Amino acid sequence: MMDTASVAGPDLERLVRQELSDAGFAVEPSMMAVDGGLGVWHDPTRGVIVTWGTSAERLVKYETVRTAVRLALLTVLAQAGHQVTDGFDGLELIITS
């Protein structure tokens, strides 16, 4: 069986970027997320990774906001028909299809 995360990665990454942009998220042009923006990139071993950029201090101080952003991301991606799992202790989302 082929690894669909590797085969479909670049196309899936473009699709995820477009869907998140259409939903109003600030999607960065690279994998590095700036404060408040999203980092989106293809990891050949895991799938398309989405992270939300903010400082470690703000991640703790504004946990409710981080939770709301995560829920919004999950909702947009699930409604688009993607398979999404949590990664890196909930600080990133992994899209495999």
Protein backbone atom coordinates (compact mmCIF):
# COMPACT_ATOMS: atom_id res chain seq x y z
CA MET A 1 0.00 0.00 0.00
CA MET A 2 1.30 3.47 -0.90
CA ASP A 3 1.76 6.15 1.72
CA THR A 4 -0.94 8.64 0.73
CA ALA A 5 0.54 11.32 3.02
CA SER A 6 3.70 11.29 0.88
CA VAL A 7 2.05 10.93 -2.52
CA ALA A 8 -0.66 13.55 -2.08
CA GLY A 9 1.39 15.84 0.18
CA PRO A 10 2.09 18.88 -2.01
CA ASP A 11 -1.44 18.89 -3.47
CA LEU A 12 -2.96 18.36 -0.03
CA GLU A 13 -0.83 21.17 1.38
CA ARG A 14 -2.04 23.58 -1.34
CA LEU A 15 -5.64 22.53 -0.69
CA VAL A 16 -5.35 22.97 3.08
CA ARG A 17 -3.68 26.38 2.65
CA GLN A 18 -6.48 27.52 0.33
CA GLU A 19 -9.27 26.25 2.58
CA LEU A 20 -7.80 27.93 5.66
CA SER A 21 -7.21 31.18 3.73
CA ASP A 22 -10.78 31.10 2.43
CA ALA A 23 -11.99 30.67 6.01
CA GLY A 24 -10.19 33.88 7.00
CA PHE A 25 -7.03 32.53 8.64
CA ALA A 26 -3.67 34.23 8.02
CA VAL A 27 -1.65 31.44 6.38
CA GLU A 28 2.08 32.13 6.22
CA PRO A 29 3.99 31.54 2.96
CA SER A 30 6.43 29.26 4.79
CA MET A 31 6.30 26.68 7.56
CA MET A 32 7.22 29.30 10.16
CA ALA A 33 4.17 30.91 11.71
CA VAL A 34 4.44 34.49 12.87
CA ASP A 35 2.49 35.67 15.89
CA GLY A 36 -1.16 34.88 15.24
CA GLY A 37 -0.62 33.31 11.80
CA LEU A 38 -0.67 29.70 10.71
CA GLY A 39 2.33 27.67 9.61
CA VAL A 40 1.37 24.99 7.06
CA TRP A 41 3.79 22.50 5.52
CA HIS A 42 4.03 18.96 4.20
CA ASP A 43 5.95 16.42 6.28
CA PRO A 44 6.45 13.34 4.06
CA THR A 45 6.31 10.99 7.06
CA ARG A 46 3.22 12.45 8.77
CA GLY A 47 1.10 14.52 6.37
CA VAL A 48 0.29 18.22 6.23
CA ILE A 49 1.11 19.99 9.49
CA VAL A 50 -0.71 23.11 10.73
CA THR A 51 0.60 25.14 13.67
CA TRP A 52 -0.60 28.38 15.19
CA GLY A 53 2.21 30.86 15.82
CA THR A 54 2.42 32.56 19.16
CA SER A 55 4.93 32.87 21.97
CA ALA A 56 5.15 30.22 24.69
CA GLU A 57 4.07 32.82 27.26
CA ARG A 58 0.89 33.57 25.31
CA LEU A 59 0.15 29.87 24.85
CA VAL A 60 -0.16 29.59 28.61
CA LYS A 61 -1.74 32.97 29.31
CA TYR A 62 -4.33 32.69 26.53
CA GLU A 63 -5.09 28.97 26.63
CA THR A 64 -8.79 29.68 26.01
CA VAL A 65 -7.97 31.56 22.80
CA ARG A 66 -5.61 28.76 21.68
CA THR A 67 -8.39 26.24 22.34
CA ALA A 68 -10.89 28.31 20.35
CA VAL A 69 -8.48 28.65 17.39
CA ARG A 70 -7.77 24.91 17.48
CA LEU A 71 -11.51 24.16 17.48
CA ALA A 72 -12.07 26.56 14.57
CA LEU A 73 -9.25 24.93 12.60
CA LEU A 74 -10.61 21.46 13.31
CA THR A 75 -14.10 22.53 12.25
CA VAL A 76 -12.96 24.09 8.95
CA LEU A 77 -10.79 21.10 8.08
CA ALA A 78 -13.39 18.49 9.09
CA GLN A 79 -16.14 20.26 7.12
CA ALA A 80 -13.82 20.16 4.11
CA GLY A 81 -13.65 16.37 4.55
CA HIS A 82 -10.10 16.06 5.89
CA GLN A 83 -8.81 13.51 8.39
CA VAL A 84 -7.19 15.49 11.21
CA THR A 85 -5.30 14.37 14.32
CA ASP A 86 -3.48 16.23 17.08
CA GLY A 87 0.28 16.30 17.26
CA PHE A 88 2.99 17.74 19.49
CA ASP A 89 0.80 17.80 22.62
CA GLY A 90 -2.05 19.60 20.87
CA LEU A 91 0.14 22.38 19.46
CA GLU A 92 -0.18 21.18 15.87
CA LEU A 93 -2.74 19.49 13.66
CA ILE A 94 -1.84 16.72 11.25
CA ILE A 95 -3.93 16.31 8.08
CA THR A 96 -3.55 12.98 6.27
CA SER A 97 -6.27 13.19 3.67
